Amino acid sequence: MSKRPIRSIKGTQDILPDQSFRWQALESIIRDTMDKYNYHEIRTPAFENTALFLHSVGEETDIVSKEMYSWEDQGGENLTLKPELTAPVARSFIQNNLGGLNPINKLYYIDSLFRRERPQKGRYRQFHQFGIEAFGSEFPEIDVEVIALAMSTFKNLELNGLTLELNSIGSKDCRDNFRKAIKEYLKPNFDKLSETSQTRFNKNPLRILDTKSPDEKRLLKDGPKISDYWTSDDKNHFNEVCELLDKINIKFELSPNLVRGLDYYTRTTFEVTSNLLGAQNAICGGGRYDGLVEQLGGKPTPGIGFAAGMERLLLADQRNFEPTKSQIYIVGLGDSVRSLIVNLAEELRKNNFRTNFDVLRRSIKSQMRDANKLDAQYVIIIGEEELSKNIATIKDLSSGDQKEIPFESILNHIKSLPLK
């Protein structure tokens, strides 16, 4: 009796070769855009000390209370697979004294994250994000650059139907006063709130503004707005962000109930949504977190960033990608030609030609069928007869034209062909 095959874990996915080329194309565009804005890649470990997320994300958030993959290792250390990337990047920023090396640090990442949430379309338990973190400036110019970088990336990805939503959740004093006001407003209707919102009422009342319930949205419509509690500095900062976005023709919608779910955010918050993704339509979220570095033990350092889900970007991407095709396929038959074919394939590859040859010792008919399946442009045919004459037959698979070329001229002839 055969053993039952081991399967992947629920909420994870294999990215197979017929899809990985789409990921590579996406990553290439992201890296090119980051380079133009002079952002540099940072890579952090897959797991961190659990305390990092308790201190940054907040013990009362869903991520920490329900979703993290945490364990105690053999040495008694509490470790967690990273559920988000801002805290690990901030930890690295502090640990490696990046602020002491440069007054401004512009960093980006493309990485895997882990959360044990309910799997659904475009959302997995191991998922991928790209994003940026910019440390060092408290001024609106960097807010605008970060938003412009996000929108430029999506433009370069040719994404359509996008909306940029913008808000400010103010400084700590602003949020403290707003929390009191929103709790006072909702208290008489506490019994009408969903179980989730009732939990948030006591732990993190700002998150109630995230509600998807139509009844709760109607209730909040007449409630206090966080903008009513902005300090004068909060107001001036946000107004300048809006003015600068207008200057560079980035359209946005003011969204007074837009908050970020993590404890470390301050002032500017933004979200990019797509009309191609249905109810779960957010593809990017970000904002300021001016207190995070100090909260994690570093020197007071303002910061701002965003993160975008790679899986969700691919869902929104309507372009027709095509995998890289083989340019040359070497068809061979007979024991005596084998070493010649291996040697020729390596020579072509060293000259940057995408080359395949048969490794199953099949018939010429089967090899030609394989060459067509791989969309090769040309085949080089070498059999016993060609070997005896010191020539190869080179055939154009699209036109059917073929030529006999001496072995010593094969490379130069291939170089002269109109290859894609």
Protein backbone atom coordinates (compact mmCIF):
# COMPACT_ATOMS: atom_id res chain seq x y z
CA MET A 1 0.00 0.00 0.00
CA SER A 2 1.47 3.34 -1.06
CA LYS A 3 1.89 6.17 1.41
CA ARG A 4 -0.47 9.10 1.21
CA PRO A 5 1.39 12.11 -0.30
CA ILE A 6 2.18 14.99 2.04
CA ARG A 7 0.33 18.13 0.99
CA SER A 8 1.05 21.82 1.51
CA ILE A 9 -0.33 23.58 4.59
CA LYS A 10 -3.76 25.19 4.29
CA GLY A 11 -3.41 28.86 3.37
CA THR A 12 -0.10 28.43 1.55
CA GLN A 13 0.56 28.06 -2.18
CA ASP A 14 3.17 26.73 -4.55
CA ILE A 15 4.16 29.31 -7.14
CA LEU A 16 4.77 27.04 -10.11
CA PRO A 17 6.85 27.84 -13.23
CA ASP A 18 3.73 28.73 -15.24
CA GLN A 19 3.11 31.59 -12.73
CA SER A 20 6.54 32.47 -11.35
CA PHE A 21 7.42 34.44 -14.49
CA ARG A 22 4.55 36.84 -13.62
CA TRP A 23 6.06 37.33 -10.17
CA GLN A 24 9.47 37.98 -11.71
CA ALA A 25 8.01 40.59 -14.07
CA LEU A 26 6.25 42.29 -11.16
CA GLU A 27 9.38 42.28 -9.00
CA SER A 28 11.48 43.67 -11.87
CA ILE A 29 9.16 46.68 -12.31
CA ILE A 30 9.12 47.30 -8.56
CA ARG A 31 12.93 47.25 -8.38
CA ASP A 32 13.27 49.57 -11.38
CA THR A 33 10.85 52.08 -9.83
CA MET A 34 12.59 51.94 -6.44
CA ASP A 35 15.90 52.62 -8.16
CA LYS A 36 14.56 55.79 -9.80
CA TYR A 37 13.51 57.13 -6.39
CA ASN A 38 16.87 56.09 -4.86
CA TYR A 39 15.39 53.56 -2.41
CA HIS A 40 17.67 50.67 -1.46
CA GLU A 41 16.71 47.08 -0.64
CA ILE A 42 16.83 45.74 2.91
CA ARG A 43 16.35 42.07 3.84
CA THR A 44 15.51 41.07 7.41
CA PRO A 45 15.33 37.57 8.99
CA ALA A 46 12.23 35.42 8.56
CA PHE A 47 11.67 35.38 12.33
CA GLU A 48 12.23 37.89 15.13
CA ASN A 49 12.01 38.10 18.89
CA THR A 50 8.29 38.01 19.75
CA ALA A 51 8.74 41.08 21.95
CA LEU A 52 9.40 43.17 18.84
CA PHE A 53 5.81 42.76 17.69
CA LEU A 54 4.32 43.05 21.18
CA HIS A 55 6.03 46.44 21.58
CA SER A 56 5.34 47.76 18.09
CA VAL A 57 2.16 46.24 16.67
CA GLY A 58 0.44 46.19 20.06
CA GLU A 59 -0.84 43.35 22.25
CA GLU A 60 -4.47 44.33 21.65
CA THR A 61 -4.35 44.05 17.86
CA ASP A 62 -5.76 41.05 15.99
CA ILE A 63 -2.31 40.30 14.59
CA VAL A 64 -0.73 39.78 18.00
CA SER A 65 -3.72 38.31 19.81
CA LYS A 66 -4.88 35.87 17.09
CA GLU A 67 -2.70 35.64 14.01
CA MET A 68 1.02 35.32 14.81
CA TYR A 69 3.00 32.11 14.39
CA SER A 70 5.02 32.10 17.61
CA TRP A 71 6.96 29.46 19.52
CA GLU A 72 9.56 28.98 22.21
CA ASP A 73 12.79 27.48 20.90
CA GLN A 74 15.11 25.01 22.62
CA GLY A 75 16.95 27.85 24.33
CA GLY A 76 13.76 29.26 25.86
CA GLU A 77 13.64 32.27 23.50
CA ASN A 78 10.23 33.40 22.25
CA LEU A 79 10.30 33.76 18.48
CA THR A 80 7.74 34.79 15.84
CA LEU A 81 7.59 34.45 12.06
CA LYS A 82 7.26 38.07 10.99
CA PRO A 83 3.62 39.08 10.40
CA GLU A 84 4.52 42.54 9.07
CA LEU A 85 7.68 44.32 7.98
CA THR A 86 7.81 47.82 9.42
CA ALA A 87 8.84 46.67 12.90
CA PRO A 88 11.67 44.38 11.65
CA VAL A 89 13.00 47.16 9.41
CA ALA A 90 12.83 49.63 12.31
CA ARG A 91 14.65 47.11 14.51
CA SER A 92 17.38 46.76 11.90
CA PHE A 93 17.56 50.55 11.49
CA ILE A 94 18.24 50.89 15.23
CA GLN A 95 20.54 47.89 15.61
CA ASN A 96 22.76 48.86 12.67
CA ASN A 97 22.83 52.59 13.53
CA LEU A 98 21.59 53.55 10.06
CA GLY A 99 20.44 56.90 11.42
CA GLY A 100 24.00 57.67 12.50
CA LEU A 101 25.32 56.87 9.03
CA ASN A 102 22.79 58.97 7.08
CA PRO A 103 20.20 61.57 8.18
CA ILE A 104 17.72 60.09 5.66
CA ASN A 105 17.35 56.35 5.03
CA LYS A 106 15.15 55.21 2.16
CA LEU A 107 14.61 51.44 2.24
CA TYR A 108 12.46 48.96 0.35
CA TYR A 109 11.72 45.24 0.62
CA ILE A 110 10.07 42.36 -1.22
CA ASP A 111 9.47 39.61 1.31
CA SER A 112 7.35 36.78 2.73
CA LEU A 113 5.12 37.27 5.79
CA PHE A 114 3.11 34.90 7.96
CA ARG A 115 -0.29 35.29 9.63
CA ARG A 116 -2.77 32.63 10.65
CA GLU A 117 -5.85 34.34 9.26
CA ARG A 118 -8.73 32.83 7.33
CA PRO A 119 -7.55 32.09 3.78
CA GLN A 120 -9.52 33.78 1.00
CA LYS A 121 -8.98 35.00 -2.55
CA GLY A 122 -5.69 36.91 -2.69
CA ARG A 123 -5.00 36.32 1.01
CA TYR A 124 -2.82 33.52 2.35
CA ARG A 125 -1.16 32.45 5.60
CA GLN A 126 2.19 32.82 3.94
CA PHE A 127 1.93 35.89 1.76
CA HIS A 128 4.21 38.39 0.10
CA GLN A 129 4.55 42.14 0.27
CA PHE A 130 6.66 44.85 -1.19
CA GLY A 131 6.95 48.14 0.58
CA ILE A 132 9.15 51.01 1.66
CA GLU A 133 10.21 52.67 4.89
CA ALA A 134 11.74 56.18 4.93
CA PHE A 135 13.36 57.31 8.18
CA GLY A 136 14.55 60.77 9.15
CA SER A 137 12.15 63.49 7.96
CA GLU A 138 9.16 64.91 9.80
CA PHE A 139 8.16 67.14 6.90
CA PRO A 140 5.29 66.75 4.40
CA GLU A 141 7.68 66.45 1.43
CA ILE A 142 8.60 62.88 2.37
CA ASP A 143 4.91 61.96 2.85
CA VAL A 144 4.28 63.12 -0.70
CA GLU A 145 7.35 61.34 -2.10
CA VAL A 146 6.26 58.06 -0.50
CA ILE A 147 2.74 58.38 -1.89
CA ALA A 148 4.12 59.36 -5.31
CA LEU A 149 6.41 56.32 -5.23
CA ALA A 150 3.46 54.03 -4.54
CA MET A 151 1.38 55.56 -7.34
CA SER A 152 4.33 55.51 -9.77
CA THR A 153 4.86 51.81 -9.09
CA PHE A 154 1.21 51.05 -9.81
CA LYS A 155 1.31 53.21 -12.95
CA ASN A 156 4.39 51.31 -14.17
CA LEU A 157 2.46 48.09 -13.51
CA GLU A 158 -0.32 49.52 -15.72
CA LEU A 159 -2.93 49.05 -13.00
CA ASN A 160 -6.25 50.78 -13.70
CA GLY A 161 -9.27 51.65 -11.60
CA LEU A 162 -7.23 52.82 -8.60
CA THR A 163 -8.33 55.28 -5.91
CA LEU A 164 -6.00 56.98 -3.43
CA GLU A 165 -7.72 57.64 -0.10
CA LEU A 166 -6.09 60.04 2.34
CA ASN A 167 -6.52 61.04 5.98
CA SER A 168 -4.58 62.13 9.04
CA ILE A 169 -4.99 60.44 12.40
CA GLY A 170 -3.07 63.27 14.05
CA SER A 171 -0.56 63.24 16.86
CA LYS A 172 -0.80 61.28 20.11
CA ASP A 173 -2.73 64.07 21.89
CA CYS A 174 -5.20 64.22 19.02
CA ARG A 175 -5.82 60.47 19.08
CA ASP A 176 -6.14 60.32 22.87
CA ASN A 177 -8.84 63.01 22.78
CA PHE A 178 -10.60 61.39 19.83
CA ARG A 179 -10.65 57.97 21.55
CA LYS A 180 -12.50 59.48 24.48
CA ALA A 181 -14.95 61.25 22.17
CA ILE A 182 -15.72 58.23 19.98
CA LYS A 183 -16.25 56.00 23.03
CA GLU A 184 -18.58 58.57 24.57
CA TYR A 185 -20.52 58.80 21.30
CA LEU A 186 -20.83 55.02 20.82
CA LYS A 187 -21.53 54.13 24.45
CA PRO A 188 -25.35 54.52 24.23
CA ASN A 189 -25.34 52.19 21.18
CA PHE A 190 -22.85 49.67 22.52
CA ASP A 191 -25.36 46.81 22.39
CA LYS A 192 -25.94 47.47 18.68
CA LEU A 193 -22.26 47.07 17.82
CA SER A 194 -20.93 43.83 16.38
CA GLU A 195 -18.91 41.53 18.58
CA THR A 196 -15.74 42.68 16.81
CA SER A 197 -16.53 46.35 17.36
CA GLN A 198 -17.44 45.72 20.99
CA THR A 199 -13.98 44.21 21.51
CA ARG A 200 -12.38 47.15 19.73
CA PHE A 201 -14.42 49.59 21.83
CA ASN A 202 -12.38 48.66 24.89
CA LYS A 203 -9.06 47.77 23.27
CA ASN A 204 -8.59 50.04 20.26
CA PRO A 205 -11.69 52.18 19.51
CA LEU A 206 -10.06 53.79 16.44
CA ARG A 207 -10.35 50.42 14.71
CA ILE A 208 -14.15 50.67 14.85
CA LEU A 209 -13.80 53.21 12.03
CA ASP A 210 -12.60 50.25 9.90
CA THR A 211 -15.99 48.54 10.19
CA LYS A 212 -17.53 46.95 7.09
CA SER A 213 -21.01 46.84 8.67
CA PRO A 214 -23.48 49.19 6.87
CA ASP A 215 -25.36 49.80 10.15
CA GLU A 216 -22.19 50.79 11.97
CA LYS A 217 -21.11 52.98 9.06
CA ARG A 218 -24.42 54.85 9.28
CA LEU A 219 -23.96 55.22 13.03
CA LEU A 220 -20.45 56.63 12.61
CA LYS A 221 -21.53 59.05 9.89
CA ASP A 222 -22.91 61.50 12.45
CA GLY A 223 -20.21 60.80 15.04
CA PRO A 224 -17.10 62.79 15.91
CA LYS A 225 -14.40 63.09 13.25
CA ILE A 226 -10.73 62.77 14.07
CA SER A 227 -10.08 65.99 12.14
CA ASP A 228 -12.03 67.85 14.85
CA TYR A 229 -9.24 66.93 17.27
CA TRP A 230 -6.19 67.79 15.15
CA THR A 231 -3.69 70.12 16.74
CA SER A 232 -2.67 73.17 14.70
CA ASP A 233 0.57 71.34 13.73
CA ASP A 234 -1.45 68.28 12.63
CA LYS A 235 -3.69 70.48 10.49
CA ASN A 236 -0.82 72.40 8.89
CA HIS A 237 1.06 69.19 8.12
CA PHE A 238 -1.94 67.55 6.45
CA ASN A 239 -2.88 70.65 4.47
CA GLU A 240 0.64 70.86 3.06
CA VAL A 241 0.55 67.17 2.10
CA CYS A 242 -2.68 67.80 0.17
CA GLU A 243 -1.30 70.93 -1.51
CA LEU A 244 1.88 69.17 -2.65
CA LEU A 245 -0.09 66.21 -4.02
CA ASP A 246 -2.20 68.68 -6.01
CA LYS A 247 1.00 70.28 -7.35
CA ILE A 248 2.20 66.98 -8.83
CA ASN A 249 -1.28 66.06 -10.13
CA ILE A 250 -1.88 63.06 -7.88
CA LYS A 251 -5.62 62.79 -7.36
CA PHE A 252 -6.91 61.68 -3.96
CA GLU A 253 -10.10 61.41 -1.96
CA LEU A 254 -10.35 62.55 1.65
CA SER A 255 -11.45 59.65 3.80
CA PRO A 256 -12.15 60.85 7.37
CA ASN A 257 -12.64 57.31 8.73
CA LEU A 258 -9.41 55.92 7.27
CA VAL A 259 -7.24 54.64 10.10
CA ARG A 260 -4.42 52.14 10.25
CA GLY A 261 -4.85 49.00 12.31
CA LEU A 262 -1.44 49.07 14.01
CA ASP A 263 -0.60 51.10 17.11
CA TYR A 264 2.47 52.87 15.77
CA TYR A 265 0.83 55.04 13.09
CA THR A 266 0.55 58.85 13.40
CA ARG A 267 -0.66 61.70 11.20
CA THR A 268 -0.78 60.89 7.45
CA THR A 269 -2.52 57.64 6.56
CA PHE A 270 -3.36 56.51 3.05
CA GLU A 271 -4.76 53.54 1.18
CA VAL A 272 -4.92 52.60 -2.50
CA THR A 273 -7.91 50.54 -3.62
CA SER A 274 -8.78 48.82 -6.88
CA ASN A 275 -12.25 48.46 -8.38
CA LEU A 276 -11.16 45.08 -9.80
CA LEU A 277 -10.94 43.29 -6.44
CA GLY A 278 -14.48 43.31 -5.06
CA ALA A 279 -15.14 43.87 -1.35
CA GLN A 280 -11.53 43.23 -0.24
CA ASN A 281 -10.30 45.99 -2.55
CA ALA A 282 -7.23 47.44 -0.80
CA ILE A 283 -3.91 46.79 -2.54
CA CYS A 284 -1.74 49.18 -0.54
CA GLY A 285 -1.80 50.87 2.86
CA GLY A 286 0.63 53.14 4.59
CA GLY A 287 1.29 56.18 6.71
CA ARG A 288 3.48 57.88 9.28
CA TYR A 289 4.85 56.29 12.46
CA ASP A 290 6.92 59.02 14.08
CA GLY A 291 7.11 57.35 17.49
CA LEU A 292 8.01 53.79 16.47
CA VAL A 293 11.82 53.99 16.48
CA GLU A 294 11.86 55.58 19.93
CA GLN A 295 9.26 53.04 21.11
CA LEU A 296 11.67 50.25 20.13
CA GLY A 297 14.60 51.77 21.99
CA GLY A 298 16.15 54.00 19.32
CA LYS A 299 16.65 57.73 19.14
CA PRO A 300 13.52 59.73 18.29
CA THR A 301 13.24 59.40 14.50
CA PRO A 302 10.26 60.16 12.28
CA GLY A 303 9.28 57.54 9.73
CA ILE A 304 6.76 56.84 7.00
CA GLY A 305 6.11 53.91 4.68
CA PHE A 306 3.65 51.68 2.89
CA ALA A 307 3.19 48.01 2.07
CA ALA A 308 1.36 46.34 -0.81
CA GLY A 309 0.32 42.71 -1.13
CA MET A 310 1.97 40.99 -4.09
CA GLU A 311 -0.85 38.43 -4.47
CA ARG A 312 -3.44 41.20 -4.60
CA LEU A 313 -1.39 43.17 -7.12
CA LEU A 314 -1.29 40.12 -9.38
CA LEU A 315 -5.08 39.78 -9.09
CA ALA A 316 -5.47 43.41 -10.16
CA ASP A 317 -2.92 43.12 -12.98
CA GLN A 318 -4.80 42.58 -16.26
CA ARG A 319 -1.76 42.39 -18.55
CA ASN A 320 -1.03 39.29 -20.62
CA PHE A 321 2.38 38.08 -19.51
CA GLU A 322 4.25 35.51 -21.54
CA PRO A 323 6.99 33.30 -20.14
CA THR A 324 10.48 33.52 -21.61
CA LYS A 325 10.69 31.23 -24.63
CA SER A 326 13.52 29.01 -25.74
CA GLN A 327 15.38 30.54 -28.67
CA ILE A 328 17.36 27.47 -29.77
CA TYR A 329 16.61 23.75 -29.49
CA ILE A 330 19.32 21.29 -30.46
CA VAL A 331 17.92 18.08 -31.92
CA GLY A 332 20.36 15.18 -31.90
CA LEU A 333 20.30 11.47 -32.63
CA GLY A 334 22.97 8.88 -32.01
CA ASP A 335 25.56 8.14 -29.34
CA SER A 336 28.40 9.79 -31.23
CA VAL A 337 26.78 13.25 -31.37
CA ARG A 338 25.94 13.47 -27.67
CA SER A 339 29.12 15.17 -26.43
CA LEU A 340 29.03 17.60 -29.37
CA ILE A 341 25.46 18.65 -28.50
CA VAL A 342 26.26 19.19 -24.82
CA ASN A 343 29.31 21.27 -25.78
CA LEU A 344 27.38 23.32 -28.38
CA ALA A 345 24.54 24.02 -25.93
CA GLU A 346 27.01 25.38 -23.36
CA GLU A 347 28.74 27.54 -25.97
CA LEU A 348 25.40 29.06 -27.04
CA ARG A 349 24.37 29.70 -23.42
CA LYS A 350 27.68 31.43 -22.69
CA ASN A 351 26.82 33.74 -25.58
CA ASN A 352 23.43 34.53 -23.97
CA PHE A 353 21.20 32.37 -26.16
CA ARG A 354 18.38 30.51 -24.39
CA THR A 355 19.11 26.93 -25.41
CA ASN A 356 17.52 23.53 -24.81
CA PHE A 357 18.41 20.02 -25.91
CA ASP A 358 16.86 16.61 -25.32
CA VAL A 359 18.04 14.70 -22.23
CA LEU A 360 15.69 11.72 -22.63
CA ARG A 361 17.33 10.26 -25.77
CA ARG A 362 14.04 10.39 -27.69
CA SER A 363 13.40 10.07 -31.41
CA ILE A 364 13.91 13.04 -33.72
CA LYS A 365 10.12 13.29 -34.14
CA SER A 366 9.64 13.51 -30.34
CA GLN A 367 12.42 16.09 -30.05
CA MET A 368 10.87 18.27 -32.75
CA ARG A 369 7.53 18.01 -30.96
CA ASP A 370 9.26 19.15 -27.74
CA ALA A 371 10.92 22.06 -29.57
CA ASN A 372 7.51 23.25 -30.80
CA LYS A 373 5.99 22.84 -27.35
CA LEU A 374 8.74 25.05 -25.91
CA ASP A 375 8.12 27.66 -28.66
CA ALA A 376 11.71 27.48 -29.82
CA GLN A 377 12.46 29.79 -32.75
CA TYR A 378 15.14 27.65 -34.35
CA VAL A 379 16.28 24.06 -34.14
CA ILE A 380 19.80 22.83 -34.81
CA ILE A 381 19.63 19.26 -36.13
CA ILE A 382 22.71 17.03 -35.74
CA GLY A 383 22.55 13.34 -36.48
CA GLU A 384 25.10 10.70 -37.54
CA GLU A 385 24.94 11.88 -41.16
CA GLU A 386 25.47 15.56 -40.21
CA LEU A 387 28.36 14.54 -37.98
CA SER A 388 30.08 12.68 -40.83
CA LYS A 389 29.79 15.80 -43.04
CA ASN A 390 30.78 18.22 -40.24
CA ILE A 391 27.59 20.26 -40.79
CA ALA A 392 24.35 21.00 -38.93
CA THR A 393 20.88 21.74 -40.32
CA ILE A 394 19.40 24.94 -38.84
CA LYS A 395 15.63 25.22 -39.25
CA ASP A 396 13.37 28.25 -38.69
CA LEU A 397 10.27 26.76 -37.01
CA SER A 398 8.00 29.66 -37.97
CA SER A 399 8.78 29.63 -41.72
CA GLY A 400 10.09 26.10 -42.20
CA ASP A 401 13.21 27.42 -43.98
CA GLN A 402 16.38 25.51 -43.26
CA LYS A 403 20.11 25.79 -44.07
CA GLU A 404 23.13 23.58 -43.76
CA ILE A 405 25.87 25.32 -41.73
CA PRO A 406 29.43 24.04 -41.03
CA PHE A 407 30.04 23.27 -37.34
CA GLU A 408 32.65 26.02 -37.01
CA SER A 409 30.15 28.63 -38.32
CA ILE A 410 27.14 27.71 -36.15
CA LEU A 411 27.73 30.37 -33.47
CA ASN A 412 28.24 33.21 -35.95
CA HIS A 413 25.18 32.12 -37.91
CA ILE A 414 23.02 32.04 -34.76
CA LYS A 415 24.30 35.53 -33.88
CA SER A 416 23.06 36.79 -37.25
CA LEU A 417 19.50 35.50 -36.77
CA PRO A 418 16.57 37.78 -35.76
CA LEU A 419 16.04 36.22 -32.33
CA LYS A 420 13.50 37.50 -29.82
